[in-house]
């Protein structure tokens, strides 16, 4: 089972360059419990980037760069399939 509705979709975030940013989402209820990943501008983010931490439904950017700005989508995945959240924008000024 994987419901359609995200319990908490990510919201837009505005930060100054160099500041940390946190995007947060709570995935839909599912069985098994869905795992969460993130896409930026349609491309799945790798947790190999040492500035990024993905923990639970949180995406944390340690020190934002101008290049981090963009549209982020929270992706919930389990054996049933995948659901994308509404997009959230990260603005870096």
N, C-alpha and C. Protein backbone atom coordinates (compact mmCIF):
# COMPACT_ATOMS: atom_id res chain seq x y z
N UNK A 1 0.85 -1.19 0.00
CA UNK A 1 0.00 0.00 0.00
C UNK A 1 0.88 1.23 0.00
N UNK A 2 0.51 2.24 -0.78
CA UNK A 2 1.18 3.54 -0.74
C UNK A 2 0.13 4.59 -1.04
N UNK A 3 -0.22 5.38 -0.04
CA UNK A 3 -1.24 6.41 -0.22
C UNK A 3 -0.73 7.52 -1.11
N UNK A 4 -1.65 8.35 -1.59
CA UNK A 4 -1.27 9.45 -2.48
C UNK A 4 -0.79 10.68 -1.73
N UNK A 5 -1.42 10.94 -0.58
CA UNK A 5 -1.21 12.20 0.10
C UNK A 5 0.03 12.20 0.98
N UNK A 6 0.92 13.17 0.76
CA UNK A 6 2.05 13.35 1.66
C UNK A 6 1.51 13.92 2.97
N UNK A 7 1.96 13.37 4.09
CA UNK A 7 1.50 13.88 5.37
C UNK A 7 2.02 15.30 5.58
N UNK A 8 3.22 15.59 5.04
CA UNK A 8 3.73 16.96 5.05
C UNK A 8 4.59 17.15 3.81
N UNK A 9 4.09 17.90 2.82
CA UNK A 9 4.93 18.16 1.65
C UNK A 9 5.97 19.21 2.01
N UNK A 10 7.10 19.24 1.29
CA UNK A 10 8.11 20.26 1.59
C UNK A 10 7.59 21.65 1.27
N UNK A 11 8.08 22.64 1.99
CA UNK A 11 7.70 24.03 1.74
C UNK A 11 8.88 24.80 1.16
N UNK A 12 8.59 25.93 0.55
CA UNK A 12 9.65 26.76 -0.02
C UNK A 12 10.59 27.26 1.09
N UNK A 13 11.87 27.38 0.75
CA UNK A 13 12.88 27.83 1.71
C UNK A 13 13.71 28.92 1.05
N UNK A 14 13.96 29.99 1.82
CA UNK A 14 14.80 31.08 1.34
C UNK A 14 15.96 31.24 2.32
N UNK A 15 17.19 31.16 1.81
CA UNK A 15 18.37 31.30 2.67
C UNK A 15 19.42 32.18 1.99
N UNK A 16 20.33 32.70 2.80
CA UNK A 16 21.49 33.42 2.26
C UNK A 16 22.56 32.39 1.92
N UNK A 17 23.35 32.67 0.88
CA UNK A 17 24.44 31.76 0.50
C UNK A 17 25.34 31.54 1.72
N UNK A 18 25.76 30.29 1.91
CA UNK A 18 26.61 29.95 3.05
C UNK A 18 25.83 29.47 4.26
N UNK A 19 24.54 29.78 4.29
CA UNK A 19 23.69 29.34 5.41
C UNK A 19 23.26 27.89 5.16
N UNK A 20 22.94 27.16 6.23
CA UNK A 20 22.36 25.83 6.03
C UNK A 20 20.90 25.94 5.62
N UNK A 21 20.42 24.94 4.89
CA UNK A 21 19.01 24.91 4.50
C UNK A 21 18.46 23.54 4.82
N UNK A 22 17.20 23.49 5.25
CA UNK A 22 16.55 22.21 5.54
C UNK A 22 15.21 22.18 4.82
N UNK A 23 15.03 21.16 4.00
CA UNK A 23 13.72 20.90 3.38
C UNK A 23 13.19 19.65 4.07
N UNK A 24 11.92 19.68 4.42
CA UNK A 24 11.38 18.59 5.22
C UNK A 24 10.10 18.07 4.60
N UNK A 25 9.96 16.75 4.57
CA UNK A 25 8.69 16.19 4.13
C UNK A 25 8.38 14.95 4.94
N UNK A 26 7.10 14.69 5.10
CA UNK A 26 6.65 13.45 5.76
C UNK A 26 5.92 12.66 4.68
N UNK A 27 6.46 11.48 4.32
CA UNK A 27 5.88 10.74 3.19
C UNK A 27 4.48 10.22 3.50
N UNK A 28 3.78 9.79 2.47
CA UNK A 28 2.45 9.20 2.69
C UNK A 28 2.58 7.93 3.52
N UNK A 29 1.49 7.54 4.15
CA UNK A 29 1.50 6.26 4.86
C UNK A 29 1.60 5.14 3.82
N UNK A 30 2.33 4.11 4.18
CA UNK A 30 2.47 2.99 3.25
C UNK A 30 2.87 1.74 4.00
N UNK A 31 2.68 0.61 3.33
CA UNK A 31 3.11 -0.66 3.91
C UNK A 31 3.77 -1.46 2.81
N UNK A 32 5.08 -1.73 2.86
CA UNK A 32 6.00 -1.31 3.92
C UNK A 32 6.19 0.21 3.93
N UNK A 33 6.69 0.73 5.05
CA UNK A 33 6.93 2.16 5.22
C UNK A 33 7.81 2.66 4.07
N UNK A 34 7.38 3.71 3.34
CA UNK A 34 8.19 4.16 2.20
C UNK A 34 9.51 4.80 2.61
N UNK A 35 10.51 4.64 1.76
CA UNK A 35 11.77 5.36 1.96
C UNK A 35 11.67 6.68 1.21
N UNK A 36 12.48 7.66 1.63
CA UNK A 36 12.40 8.99 1.05
C UNK A 36 13.70 9.32 0.34
N UNK A 37 13.57 9.83 -0.88
CA UNK A 37 14.72 10.40 -1.58
C UNK A 37 14.27 11.75 -2.12
N UNK A 38 15.17 12.47 -2.74
CA UNK A 38 14.87 13.82 -3.21
C UNK A 38 15.33 14.00 -4.64
N UNK A 39 14.60 14.84 -5.37
CA UNK A 39 15.01 15.23 -6.71
C UNK A 39 15.14 16.75 -6.74
N UNK A 40 16.16 17.22 -7.46
CA UNK A 40 16.33 18.66 -7.68
C UNK A 40 16.22 18.90 -9.17
N UNK A 41 15.28 19.76 -9.56
CA UNK A 41 15.06 20.05 -10.99
C UNK A 41 14.91 18.75 -11.79
N UNK A 42 14.21 17.78 -11.19
CA UNK A 42 13.92 16.53 -11.89
C UNK A 42 15.00 15.47 -11.82
N UNK A 43 16.14 15.78 -11.20
CA UNK A 43 17.25 14.82 -11.15
C UNK A 43 17.43 14.32 -9.72
N UNK A 44 17.49 13.01 -9.55
CA UNK A 44 17.62 12.44 -8.20
C UNK A 44 18.94 12.87 -7.57
N UNK A 45 18.87 13.30 -6.32
CA UNK A 45 20.08 13.73 -5.62
C UNK A 45 20.83 12.53 -5.08
N UNK A 46 22.15 12.62 -5.13
CA UNK A 46 23.00 11.57 -4.59
C UNK A 46 23.40 11.98 -3.17
N UNK A 47 23.41 11.01 -2.25
CA UNK A 47 23.89 11.38 -0.92
C UNK A 47 25.42 11.26 -0.85
N UNK A 48 26.05 11.18 -2.02
CA UNK A 48 27.51 11.19 -2.05
C UNK A 48 28.05 12.60 -1.89
N UNK A 49 27.20 13.59 -2.18
CA UNK A 49 27.62 14.99 -2.01
C UNK A 49 27.76 15.25 -0.51
N UNK A 50 28.98 15.56 -0.08
CA UNK A 50 29.23 15.66 1.36
C UNK A 50 28.51 16.84 2.02
N UNK A 51 27.98 17.78 1.22
CA UNK A 51 27.23 18.89 1.81
C UNK A 51 25.77 18.52 2.06
N UNK A 52 25.33 17.39 1.50
CA UNK A 52 23.94 16.99 1.64
C UNK A 52 23.79 15.86 2.65
N UNK A 53 22.76 15.96 3.47
CA UNK A 53 22.41 14.86 4.38
C UNK A 53 20.93 14.58 4.18
N UNK A 54 20.60 13.31 3.92
CA UNK A 54 19.19 12.92 3.82
C UNK A 54 18.92 12.00 4.99
N UNK A 55 18.07 12.46 5.91
CA UNK A 55 17.77 11.66 7.09
C UNK A 55 16.27 11.70 7.33
N UNK A 56 15.65 10.55 7.35
CA UNK A 56 14.19 10.52 7.46
C UNK A 56 13.63 11.29 6.26
N UNK A 57 12.75 12.22 6.52
CA UNK A 57 12.20 13.01 5.43
C UNK A 57 12.90 14.33 5.24
N UNK A 58 14.05 14.50 5.90
CA UNK A 58 14.74 15.80 5.84
C UNK A 58 15.87 15.78 4.84
N UNK A 59 15.97 16.84 4.08
CA UNK A 59 17.13 17.07 3.22
C UNK A 59 17.84 18.28 3.81
N UNK A 60 19.08 18.08 4.25
CA UNK A 60 19.84 19.17 4.85
C UNK A 60 21.03 19.52 3.97
N UNK A 61 21.16 20.80 3.68
CA UNK A 61 22.31 21.30 2.91
C UNK A 61 23.16 22.08 3.90
N UNK A 62 24.39 21.62 4.13
CA UNK A 62 25.23 22.19 5.18
C UNK A 62 25.54 23.66 4.93
N UNK A 63 25.97 23.97 3.74
CA UNK A 63 26.34 25.34 3.42
C UNK A 63 25.89 25.61 2.00
N UNK A 64 24.83 26.38 1.85
CA UNK A 64 24.23 26.53 0.52
C UNK A 64 25.10 27.35 -0.42
N UNK A 65 25.11 26.94 -1.67
CA UNK A 65 25.76 27.68 -2.75
C UNK A 65 24.64 28.19 -3.65
N UNK A 66 24.94 29.19 -4.45
CA UNK A 66 23.96 29.67 -5.44
C UNK A 66 23.43 28.51 -6.28
N UNK A 67 24.31 27.56 -6.58
CA UNK A 67 23.93 26.44 -7.45
C UNK A 67 22.94 25.48 -6.80
N UNK A 68 22.73 25.60 -5.49
CA UNK A 68 21.75 24.73 -4.82
C UNK A 68 20.32 25.20 -5.06
N UNK A 69 20.17 26.44 -5.51
CA UNK A 69 18.82 26.97 -5.76
C UNK A 69 18.14 26.11 -6.82
N UNK A 70 16.84 25.93 -6.66
CA UNK A 70 16.11 25.14 -7.65
C UNK A 70 14.83 24.61 -7.06
N UNK A 71 14.22 23.70 -7.81
CA UNK A 71 12.94 23.12 -7.41
C UNK A 71 13.20 21.70 -6.92
N UNK A 72 12.78 21.45 -5.69
CA UNK A 72 13.02 20.16 -5.04
C UNK A 72 11.71 19.40 -4.87
N UNK A 73 11.79 18.08 -5.06
CA UNK A 73 10.62 17.23 -4.91
C UNK A 73 11.03 16.07 -3.99
N UNK A 74 10.17 15.78 -3.03
CA UNK A 74 10.38 14.67 -2.12
C UNK A 74 9.75 13.43 -2.78
N UNK A 75 10.48 12.32 -2.82
CA UNK A 75 10.01 11.11 -3.48
C UNK A 75 9.87 9.99 -2.44
N UNK A 76 8.68 9.46 -2.31
CA UNK A 76 8.43 8.33 -1.41
C UNK A 76 8.37 7.06 -2.25
N UNK A 77 9.12 6.03 -1.85
CA UNK A 77 9.20 4.79 -2.62
C UNK A 77 9.01 3.57 -1.73
N UNK A 78 8.18 2.65 -2.16
CA UNK A 78 8.17 1.30 -1.56
C UNK A 78 7.88 0.31 -2.69
N UNK A 79 7.65 -0.95 -2.34
CA UNK A 79 7.48 -1.98 -3.38
C UNK A 79 6.29 -1.70 -4.30
N UNK A 80 5.30 -0.95 -3.82
CA UNK A 80 4.11 -0.67 -4.62
C UNK A 80 4.43 0.33 -5.72
N UNK A 81 5.30 1.27 -5.42
CA UNK A 81 5.62 2.29 -6.42
C UNK A 81 6.24 3.52 -5.81
N UNK A 82 6.00 4.63 -6.49
CA UNK A 82 6.68 5.87 -6.14
C UNK A 82 5.68 7.01 -6.17
N UNK A 83 5.80 7.95 -5.23
CA UNK A 83 4.97 9.16 -5.24
C UNK A 83 5.88 10.36 -5.13
N UNK A 84 5.59 11.38 -5.94
CA UNK A 84 6.32 12.64 -5.85
C UNK A 84 5.48 13.65 -5.09
N UNK A 85 6.13 14.44 -4.23
CA UNK A 85 5.43 15.49 -3.51
C UNK A 85 5.21 16.67 -4.45
N UNK A 86 4.44 17.65 -3.97
CA UNK A 86 4.37 18.94 -4.66
C UNK A 86 5.79 19.52 -4.63
N UNK A 87 6.18 20.30 -5.64
CA UNK A 87 7.53 20.87 -5.63
C UNK A 87 7.67 21.99 -4.61
N UNK A 88 8.89 22.14 -4.11
CA UNK A 88 9.22 23.24 -3.20
C UNK A 88 10.44 23.94 -3.79
N UNK A 89 10.50 25.25 -3.64
CA UNK A 89 11.62 25.98 -4.21
C UNK A 89 12.61 26.37 -3.13
N UNK A 90 13.89 26.17 -3.43
CA UNK A 90 14.96 26.65 -2.55
C UNK A 90 15.55 27.88 -3.26
N UNK A 91 15.46 29.01 -2.57
CA UNK A 91 15.98 30.27 -3.09
C UNK A 91 17.23 30.62 -2.29
N UNK A 92 18.36 30.86 -2.99
CA UNK A 92 19.61 31.22 -2.33
C UNK A 92 19.99 32.62 -2.81
N UNK A 93 20.09 33.55 -1.85
CA UNK A 93 20.44 34.92 -2.26
C UNK A 93 21.78 35.35 -1.68
